[in-house]
Amino acid sequence: NSVSEGHARGNLAMFSSQLGRTQEARLHYEEAIRLFRRTGNRRLEGTATSGLAEVLRSQGLLDEAMETCRTALQIHRSLGNPVQECIAMGNLGDIHVDRDEFEEANLLLRDAIRIGDEVLPAAAGAFRGSLGLVLAIQGNFEEARSMLLRGETALRDGNTLELGKLLCKRARVEVLAGEQKEAKASVEEAQFLAERLEVGPEGNLVKAIEQVNKAIARLASD
């Protein structure tokens, strides 16, 4: 039936996204959304819409990603689903970070963390990594490092992929602080995790590692 096919499409989308096959993931998510709409299953439609927003973001389509993420957030709020609301709100904050809109990102990430601390600690941990980066960009390194440490603690025994992404953000914070040694240590651990997870070359974690390594190289040459 349509719900089962939608589930299968959603699983394929997540798998494709983890491997860095973003176009495949996008097509699977779009088909899953169509199927869930056909059956009127708003909860699953919202979850697939959140996934699509993340794929669009990874493709650099930030305007489309923001619109899609806002749609997902509206669905989750209308259904009273705090877990998915937390994820969508934090993801929306991350999109604002990508757009250099740091005040908006700060507010959204703090709200996501507040909800996540109650319903989804791992997500709160991941979004603390994003907020730590924002705080460092705004010049608040002490609070940034504290935020990153709390996020890392929440992820150490759980989501390895999100831990790798957080380590890249910590490395970026140390680059901003001019601390090359600390930045290299964080990105090297992220690289180890990426290899352990066998993340594809187009995966978000690998891209984040490449971005940080370039920033470290620029810091070393200054």
C-alpha atoms as a PDB file:
ATOM      1  CA  ASN A   1       0.000   0.000   0.000  1.00  0.00           C
ATOM      2  CA  SER A   2       0.970   3.657  -0.190  1.00  0.00           C
ATOM      3  CA  VAL A   3       2.076   3.941   3.448  1.00  0.00           C
ATOM      4  CA  SER A   4       4.369   0.913   3.179  1.00  0.00           C
ATOM      5  CA  GLU A   5       5.815   2.193  -0.080  1.00  0.00           C
ATOM      6  CA  GLY A   6       6.295   5.603   1.503  1.00  0.00           C
ATOM      7  CA  HIS A   7       8.181   4.016   4.400  1.00  0.00           C
ATOM      8  CA  ALA A   8      10.397   2.144   1.947  1.00  0.00           C
ATOM      9  CA  ARG A   9      11.069   5.337  -0.003  1.00  0.00           C
ATOM     10  CA  GLY A  10      11.903   7.190   3.195  1.00  0.00           C
ATOM     11  CA  ASN A  11      14.360   4.478   4.270  1.00  0.00           C
ATOM     12  CA  LEU A  12      16.016   4.548   0.856  1.00  0.00           C
ATOM     13  CA  ALA A  13      16.258   8.320   1.073  1.00  0.00           C
ATOM     14  CA  MET A  14      18.009   8.184   4.456  1.00  0.00           C
ATOM     15  CA  PHE A  15      20.420   5.514   3.238  1.00  0.00           C
ATOM     16  CA  SER A  16      21.174   7.455   0.048  1.00  0.00           C
ATOM     17  CA  SER A  17      21.704  10.657   2.015  1.00  0.00           C
ATOM     18  CA  GLN A  18      24.165   8.990   4.398  1.00  0.00           C
ATOM     19  CA  LEU A  19      26.168   7.797   1.395  1.00  0.00           C
ATOM     20  CA  GLY A  20      26.190  11.285  -0.077  1.00  0.00           C
ATOM     21  CA  ARG A  21      23.858  10.369  -2.962  1.00  0.00           C
ATOM     22  CA  THR A  22      21.837  13.508  -2.508  1.00  0.00           C
ATOM     23  CA  GLN A  23      19.939  13.491  -5.797  1.00  0.00           C
ATOM     24  CA  GLU A  24      18.743   9.930  -5.190  1.00  0.00           C
ATOM     25  CA  ALA A  25      17.765  10.892  -1.662  1.00  0.00           C
ATOM     26  CA  ARG A  26      15.849  13.903  -2.900  1.00  0.00           C
ATOM     27  CA  LEU A  27      13.820  11.864  -5.392  1.00  0.00           C
ATOM     28  CA  HIS A  28      12.988   9.224  -2.768  1.00  0.00           C
ATOM     29  CA  TYR A  29      11.893  11.846  -0.234  1.00  0.00           C
ATOM     30  CA  GLU A  30       9.734  13.659  -2.792  1.00  0.00           C
ATOM     31  CA  GLU A  31       8.004  10.402  -3.717  1.00  0.00           C
ATOM     32  CA  ALA A  32       7.521   9.500  -0.051  1.00  0.00           C
ATOM     33  CA  ILE A  33       5.899  12.882   0.595  1.00  0.00           C
ATOM     34  CA  ARG A  34       3.569  12.373  -2.368  1.00  0.00           C
ATOM     35  CA  LEU A  35       2.544   8.946  -1.077  1.00  0.00           C
ATOM     36  CA  PHE A  36       1.943  10.145   2.481  1.00  0.00           C
ATOM     37  CA  ARG A  37      -0.127  13.064   1.237  1.00  0.00           C
ATOM     38  CA  ARG A  38      -2.231  10.655  -0.796  1.00  0.00           C
ATOM     39  CA  THR A  39      -3.070   8.712   2.371  1.00  0.00           C
ATOM     40  CA  GLY A  40      -3.481  11.824   4.519  1.00  0.00           C
ATOM     41  CA  ASN A  41      -0.734  10.742   6.910  1.00  0.00           C
ATOM     42  CA  ARG A  42       0.493  14.125   8.092  1.00  0.00           C
ATOM     43  CA  ARG A  43       2.906  12.754  10.680  1.00  0.00           C
ATOM     44  CA  LEU A  44       4.892  10.764   8.132  1.00  0.00           C
ATOM     45  CA  GLU A  45       4.620  13.555   5.589  1.00  0.00           C
ATOM     46  CA  GLY A  46       6.188  15.911   8.108  1.00  0.00           C
ATOM     47  CA  THR A  47       9.052  13.533   8.831  1.00  0.00           C
ATOM     48  CA  ALA A  48       9.793  13.053   5.129  1.00  0.00           C
ATOM     49  CA  THR A  49       9.579  16.811   4.567  1.00  0.00           C
ATOM     50  CA  SER A  50      12.200  17.358   7.278  1.00  0.00           C
ATOM     51  CA  GLY A  51      14.439  14.835   5.542  1.00  0.00           C
ATOM     52  CA  LEU A  52      13.985  16.559   2.201  1.00  0.00           C
ATOM     53  CA  ALA A  53      14.932  19.905   3.739  1.00  0.00           C
ATOM     54  CA  GLU A  54      18.225  18.427   4.967  1.00  0.00           C
ATOM     55  CA  VAL A  55      19.009  17.025   1.530  1.00  0.00           C
ATOM     56  CA  LEU A  56      18.283  20.368  -0.135  1.00  0.00           C
ATOM     57  CA  ARG A  57      20.570  22.034   2.382  1.00  0.00           C
ATOM     58  CA  SER A  58      23.368  19.578   1.619  1.00  0.00           C
ATOM     59  CA  GLN A  59      22.929  20.426  -2.077  1.00  0.00           C
ATOM     60  CA  GLY A  60      23.424  24.102  -1.276  1.00  0.00           C
ATOM     61  CA  LEU A  61      19.833  24.998  -2.185  1.00  0.00           C
ATOM     62  CA  LEU A  62      19.348  27.112   0.918  1.00  0.00           C
ATOM     63  CA  ASP A  63      16.217  29.013  -0.137  1.00  0.00           C
ATOM     64  CA  GLU A  64      14.401  25.787  -1.031  1.00  0.00           C
ATOM     65  CA  ALA A  65      15.733  24.111   2.096  1.00  0.00           C
ATOM     66  CA  MET A  66      14.444  26.923   4.311  1.00  0.00           C
ATOM     67  CA  GLU A  67      10.979  26.897   2.744  1.00  0.00           C
ATOM     68  CA  THR A  68      10.787  23.103   3.034  1.00  0.00           C
ATOM     69  CA  CYS A  69      12.015  23.120   6.622  1.00  0.00           C
ATOM     70  CA  ARG A  70       9.440  25.743   7.592  1.00  0.00           C
ATOM     71  CA  THR A  71       6.722  23.572   6.047  1.00  0.00           C
ATOM     72  CA  ALA A  72       7.918  20.598   8.088  1.00  0.00           C
ATOM     73  CA  LEU A  73       8.002  22.675  11.267  1.00  0.00           C
ATOM     74  CA  GLN A  74       4.424  23.847  10.691  1.00  0.00           C
ATOM     75  CA  ILE A  75       3.256  20.253  10.236  1.00  0.00           C
ATOM     76  CA  HIS A  76       4.990  19.031  13.398  1.00  0.00           C
ATOM     77  CA  ARG A  77       3.651  21.921  15.455  1.00  0.00           C
ATOM     78  CA  SER A  78       0.110  21.377  14.185  1.00  0.00           C
ATOM     79  CA  LEU A  79       0.325  17.725  15.265  1.00  0.00           C
ATOM     80  CA  GLY A  80       1.853  18.488  18.665  1.00  0.00           C
ATOM     81  CA  ASN A  81       4.979  16.433  17.907  1.00  0.00           C
ATOM     82  CA  PRO A  82       7.760  17.936  20.079  1.00  0.00           C
ATOM     83  CA  VAL A  83      10.453  15.468  18.950  1.00  0.00           C
ATOM     84  CA  GLN A  84      10.107  16.323  15.286  1.00  0.00           C
ATOM     85  CA  GLU A  85       9.492  19.988  16.114  1.00  0.00           C
ATOM     86  CA  CYS A  86      12.864  20.043  17.893  1.00  0.00           C
ATOM     87  CA  ILE A  87      14.626  18.525  14.887  1.00  0.00           C
ATOM     88  CA  ALA A  88      12.973  20.819  12.351  1.00  0.00           C
ATOM     89  CA  MET A  89      13.606  23.919  14.458  1.00  0.00           C
ATOM     90  CA  GLY A  90      17.266  23.055  14.920  1.00  0.00           C
ATOM     91  CA  ASN A  91      17.673  22.238  11.245  1.00  0.00           C
ATOM     92  CA  LEU A  92      16.137  25.598  10.397  1.00  0.00           C
ATOM     93  CA  GLY A  93      18.681  27.199  12.707  1.00  0.00           C
ATOM     94  CA  ASP A  94      21.465  25.404  10.838  1.00  0.00           C
ATOM     95  CA  ILE A  95      20.185  26.781   7.541  1.00  0.00           C
ATOM     96  CA  HIS A  96      20.336  30.288   9.003  1.00  0.00           C
ATOM     97  CA  VAL A  97      23.960  29.576  10.009  1.00  0.00           C
ATOM     98  CA  ASP A  98      24.709  28.620   6.400  1.00  0.00           C
ATOM     99  CA  ARG A  99      23.172  31.924   5.316  1.00  0.00           C
ATOM    100  CA  ASP A 100      25.276  33.899   7.853  1.00  0.00           C
ATOM    101  CA  GLU A 101      22.097  34.923   9.676  1.00  0.00           C
ATOM    102  CA  PHE A 102      23.459  34.375  13.144  1.00  0.00           C
ATOM    103  CA  GLU A 103      20.924  36.173  15.321  1.00  0.00           C
ATOM    104  CA  GLU A 104      18.076  34.141  13.821  1.00  0.00           C
ATOM    105  CA  ALA A 105      20.159  30.974  14.141  1.00  0.00           C
ATOM    106  CA  ASN A 106      20.923  31.688  17.788  1.00  0.00           C
ATOM    107  CA  LEU A 107      17.248  31.998  18.718  1.00  0.00           C
ATOM    108  CA  LEU A 108      16.113  28.911  16.806  1.00  0.00           C
ATOM    109  CA  LEU A 109      18.946  26.721  18.087  1.00  0.00           C
ATOM    110  CA  ARG A 110      18.304  27.731  21.695  1.00  0.00           C
ATOM    111  CA  ASP A 111      14.609  26.872  21.314  1.00  0.00           C
ATOM    112  CA  ALA A 112      15.497  23.524  19.721  1.00  0.00           C
ATOM    113  CA  ILE A 113      17.909  22.742  22.562  1.00  0.00           C
ATOM    114  CA  ARG A 114      15.307  23.685  25.170  1.00  0.00           C
ATOM    115  CA  ILE A 115      12.786  21.249  23.662  1.00  0.00           C
ATOM    116  CA  GLY A 116      15.416  18.611  22.921  1.00  0.00           C
ATOM    117  CA  ASP A 117      16.665  18.537  26.516  1.00  0.00           C
ATOM    118  CA  GLU A 118      13.197  17.281  27.485  1.00  0.00           C
ATOM    119  CA  VAL A 119      12.354  14.949  24.603  1.00  0.00           C
ATOM    120  CA  LEU A 120      15.475  14.159  22.535  1.00  0.00           C
ATOM    121  CA  PRO A 121      18.825  14.751  24.313  1.00  0.00           C
ATOM    122  CA  ALA A 122      20.918  13.566  21.350  1.00  0.00           C
ATOM    123  CA  ALA A 123      19.383  16.214  19.086  1.00  0.00           C
ATOM    124  CA  ALA A 124      19.953  18.835  21.778  1.00  0.00           C
ATOM    125  CA  GLY A 125      23.583  17.728  21.854  1.00  0.00           C
ATOM    126  CA  ALA A 126      23.970  18.068  18.095  1.00  0.00           C
ATOM    127  CA  PHE A 127      22.376  21.511  18.061  1.00  0.00           C
ATOM    128  CA  ARG A 128      24.662  22.625  20.888  1.00  0.00           C
ATOM    129  CA  GLY A 129      27.475  22.079  18.398  1.00  0.00           C
ATOM    130  CA  SER A 130      25.788  24.454  15.959  1.00  0.00           C
ATOM    131  CA  LEU A 131      25.107  27.026  18.666  1.00  0.00           C
ATOM    132  CA  GLY A 132      28.718  26.764  19.831  1.00  0.00           C
ATOM    133  CA  LEU A 133      29.873  27.705  16.350  1.00  0.00           C
ATOM    134  CA  VAL A 134      27.476  30.657  16.232  1.00  0.00           C
ATOM    135  CA  LEU A 135      28.700  31.898  19.608  1.00  0.00           C
ATOM    136  CA  ALA A 136      32.316  31.693  18.438  1.00  0.00           C
ATOM    137  CA  ILE A 137      31.505  33.624  15.274  1.00  0.00           C
ATOM    138  CA  GLN A 138      29.938  36.256  17.529  1.00  0.00           C
ATOM    139  CA  GLY A 139      33.165  36.350  19.575  1.00  0.00           C
ATOM    140  CA  ASN A 140      31.994  34.457  22.668  1.00  0.00           C
ATOM    141  CA  PHE A 141      34.595  31.682  22.782  1.00  0.00           C
ATOM    142  CA  GLU A 142      34.168  30.745  26.441  1.00  0.00           C
ATOM    143  CA  GLU A 143      30.460  30.022  26.109  1.00  0.00           C
ATOM    144  CA  ALA A 144      31.076  28.416  22.691  1.00  0.00           C
ATOM    145  CA  ARG A 145      33.513  25.865  24.142  1.00  0.00           C
ATOM    146  CA  SER A 146      31.204  25.147  27.061  1.00  0.00           C
ATOM    147  CA  MET A 147      28.304  24.594  24.663  1.00  0.00           C
ATOM    148  CA  LEU A 148      30.400  22.265  22.491  1.00  0.00           C
ATOM    149  CA  LEU A 149      31.559  20.245  25.489  1.00  0.00           C
ATOM    150  CA  ARG A 150      27.981  19.688  26.648  1.00  0.00           C
ATOM    151  CA  GLY A 151      26.979  18.676  23.149  1.00  0.00           C
ATOM    152  CA  GLU A 152      29.909  16.295  22.818  1.00  0.00           C
ATOM    153  CA  THR A 153      29.058  14.644  26.145  1.00  0.00           C
ATOM    154  CA  ALA A 154      25.498  14.003  24.971  1.00  0.00           C
ATOM    155  CA  LEU A 155      26.705  12.392  21.719  1.00  0.00           C
ATOM    156  CA  ARG A 156      29.688  10.337  22.929  1.00  0.00           C
ATOM    157  CA  ASP A 157      27.630   7.212  23.637  1.00  0.00           C
ATOM    158  CA  GLY A 158      25.106   7.657  20.869  1.00  0.00           C
ATOM    159  CA  ASN A 159      25.104   9.149  17.400  1.00  0.00           C
ATOM    160  CA  THR A 160      28.582   8.742  15.912  1.00  0.00           C
ATOM    161  CA  LEU A 161      27.744  10.643  12.738  1.00  0.00           C
ATOM    162  CA  GLU A 162      26.468  13.676  14.631  1.00  0.00           C
ATOM    163  CA  LEU A 163      29.496  13.492  16.923  1.00  0.00           C
ATOM    164  CA  GLY A 164      31.739  13.712  13.869  1.00  0.00           C
ATOM    165  CA  LYS A 165      29.868  16.795  12.654  1.00  0.00           C
ATOM    166  CA  LEU A 166      30.129  18.392  16.092  1.00  0.00           C
ATOM    167  CA  LEU A 167      33.887  17.754  16.154  1.00  0.00           C
ATOM    168  CA  CYS A 168      34.165  19.608  12.845  1.00  0.00           C
ATOM    169  CA  LYS A 169      32.300  22.535  14.351  1.00  0.00           C
ATOM    170  CA  ARG A 170      34.614  22.466  17.358  1.00  0.00           C
ATOM    171  CA  ALA A 171      37.575  22.535  14.967  1.00  0.00           C
ATOM    172  CA  ARG A 172      36.073  25.549  13.196  1.00  0.00           C
ATOM    173  CA  VAL A 173      35.706  27.292  16.558  1.00  0.00           C
ATOM    174  CA  GLU A 174      39.371  26.669  17.322  1.00  0.00           C
ATOM    175  CA  VAL A 175      40.357  27.985  13.893  1.00  0.00           C
ATOM    176  CA  LEU A 176      38.436  31.165  14.661  1.00  0.00           C
ATOM    177  CA  ALA A 177      40.292  31.336  17.983  1.00  0.00           C
ATOM    178  CA  GLY A 178      43.620  30.840  16.208  1.00  0.00           C
ATOM    179  CA  GLU A 179      44.277  27.522  17.970  1.00  0.00           C
ATOM    180  CA  GLN A 180      45.685  25.338  15.180  1.00  0.00           C
ATOM    181  CA  LYS A 181      46.725  22.374  17.358  1.00  0.00           C
ATOM    182  CA  GLU A 182      43.299  22.008  18.975  1.00  0.00           C
ATOM    183  CA  ALA A 183      41.574  22.375  15.597  1.00  0.00           C
ATOM    184  CA  LYS A 184      43.713  19.622  14.072  1.00  0.00           C
ATOM    185  CA  ALA A 185      43.021  17.251  16.976  1.00  0.00           C
ATOM    186  CA  SER A 186      39.260  17.660  16.567  1.00  0.00           C
ATOM    187  CA  VAL A 187      39.215  17.229  12.799  1.00  0.00           C
ATOM    188  CA  GLU A 188      41.496  14.174  13.000  1.00  0.00           C
ATOM    189  CA  GLU A 189      39.021  12.480  15.324  1.00  0.00           C
ATOM    190  CA  ALA A 190      36.194  13.435  12.966  1.00  0.00           C
ATOM    191  CA  GLN A 191      38.170  11.865  10.108  1.00  0.00           C
ATOM    192  CA  PHE A 192      38.574   8.671  12.126  1.00  0.00           C
ATOM    193  CA  LEU A 193      34.824   8.514  12.742  1.00  0.00           C
ATOM    194  CA  ALA A 194      34.067   9.141   9.057  1.00  0.00           C
ATOM    195  CA  GLU A 195      36.330   6.247   8.068  1.00  0.00           C
ATOM    196  CA  ARG A 196      34.744   3.991  10.676  1.00  0.00           C
ATOM    197  CA  LEU A 197      31.283   4.846   9.368  1.00  0.00           C
ATOM    198  CA  GLU A 198      32.477   4.458   5.743  1.00  0.00           C
ATOM    199  CA  VAL A 199      30.949   7.805   4.829  1.00  0.00           C
ATOM    200  CA  GLY A 200      31.026   8.433   1.076  1.00  0.00           C
ATOM    201  CA  PRO A 201      33.022  11.297  -0.442  1.00  0.00           C
ATOM    202  CA  GLU A 202      29.830  13.300  -0.996  1.00  0.00           C
ATOM    203  CA  GLY A 203      28.591  12.783   2.552  1.00  0.00           C
ATOM    204  CA  ASN A 204      28.044  15.835   4.753  1.00  0.00           C
ATOM    205  CA  LEU A 205      30.648  14.741   7.300  1.00  0.00           C
ATOM    206  CA  VAL A 206      33.368  14.332   4.672  1.00  0.00           C
ATOM    207  CA  LYS A 207      32.518  17.731   3.205  1.00  0.00           C
ATOM    208  CA  ALA A 208      32.704  19.289   6.667  1.00  0.00           C
ATOM    209  CA  ILE A 209      36.113  17.700   7.248  1.00  0.00           C
ATOM    210  CA  GLU A 210      37.397  19.047   3.923  1.00  0.00           C
ATOM    211  CA  GLN A 211      36.119  22.528   4.778  1.00  0.00           C
ATOM    212  CA  VAL A 212      37.849  22.488   8.172  1.00  0.00           C
ATOM    213  CA  ASN A 213      41.132  21.186   6.755  1.00  0.00           C
ATOM    214  CA  LYS A 214      41.192  24.073   4.279  1.00  0.00           C
ATOM    215  CA  ALA A 215      40.561  26.530   7.115  1.00  0.00           C
ATOM    216  CA  ILE A 216      43.388  24.986   9.167  1.00  0.00           C
ATOM    217  CA  ALA A 217      45.734  25.244   6.179  1.00  0.00           C
ATOM    218  CA  ARG A 218      44.882  28.933   5.782  1.00  0.00           C
ATOM    219  CA  LEU A 219      45.497  29.469   9.493  1.00  0.00           C
ATOM    220  CA  ALA A 220      48.887  27.759   9.245  1.00  0.00           C
ATOM    221  CA  SER A 221      49.919  29.945   6.313  1.00  0.00           C
ATOM    222  CA  ASP A 222      49.032  33.233   7.995  1.00  0.00           C
END
